[in-house]
Amino acid sequence: MGIKAIVVLYVLAMVIVVVGVDILFFRHHLWARLFVNIGIVLVFVAFYLRFLKRP
């Protein structure tokens, strides 16, 4: 599997997690949803930079 396919799957997983958390926990809480979404994206970026980025 090429690196582009891995990145596409990684971004798709991130979108699924963000939408799932939004629907399950923060449907009616705008600011909490925004802050949690930013946190989730930062965790995904940190994981990508630590483990998946090529040196």
Protein backbone atom coordinates (compact mmCIF):
# COMPACT_ATOMS: atom_id res chain seq x y z
CA MET A 1 0.00 0.00 0.00
CA GLY A 2 1.41 3.36 -0.97
CA ILE A 3 1.99 6.26 1.36
CA LYS A 4 -0.81 8.26 -0.25
CA ALA A 5 -3.31 5.50 0.45
CA ILE A 6 -2.19 5.35 4.08
CA VAL A 7 -2.59 9.12 4.45
CA VAL A 8 -6.06 9.00 2.87
CA LEU A 9 -7.12 6.21 5.25
CA TYR A 10 -5.64 8.14 8.19
CA VAL A 11 -7.57 11.31 7.30
CA LEU A 12 -10.74 9.27 6.78
CA ALA A 13 -10.30 7.71 10.24
CA MET A 14 -9.85 11.19 11.74
CA VAL A 15 -13.05 12.44 10.07
CA ILE A 16 -14.99 9.41 11.32
CA VAL A 17 -13.77 9.96 14.89
CA VAL A 18 -14.60 13.68 14.83
CA VAL A 19 -18.08 13.17 13.41
CA GLY A 20 -18.76 10.26 15.76
CA VAL A 21 -17.79 12.25 18.85
CA ASP A 22 -19.84 15.20 17.64
CA ILE A 23 -22.96 13.11 17.16
CA LEU A 24 -22.61 10.98 20.29
CA PHE A 25 -21.55 13.55 22.90
CA PHE A 26 -21.64 17.18 21.79
CA ARG A 27 -24.66 17.58 19.53
CA HIS A 28 -26.03 20.71 21.24
CA HIS A 29 -22.84 22.20 22.69
CA LEU A 30 -21.18 24.39 20.07
CA TRP A 31 -18.10 25.60 21.95
CA ALA A 32 -17.38 22.28 23.63
CA ARG A 33 -17.67 20.56 20.25
CA LEU A 34 -15.25 23.05 18.69
CA PHE A 35 -12.64 22.61 21.41
CA VAL A 36 -12.93 18.81 21.39
CA ASN A 37 -12.63 18.72 17.59
CA ILE A 38 -9.47 20.83 17.75
CA GLY A 39 -8.08 18.50 20.41
CA ILE A 40 -8.84 15.40 18.36
CA VAL A 41 -7.17 16.88 15.28
CA LEU A 42 -4.10 17.84 17.34
CA VAL A 43 -3.84 14.29 18.72
CA PHE A 44 -4.08 12.85 15.20
CA VAL A 45 -1.42 15.30 13.95
CA ALA A 46 0.92 14.46 16.84
CA PHE A 47 0.47 10.73 16.22
CA TYR A 48 1.13 11.22 12.50
CA LEU A 49 4.27 13.25 13.10
CA ARG A 50 5.56 10.77 15.68
CA PHE A 51 4.85 7.44 14.00
CA LEU A 52 3.80 7.75 10.37
CA LYS A 53 5.89 10.53 8.86
CA ARG A 54 8.82 9.34 6.82
CA PRO A 55 12.23 10.61 8.04
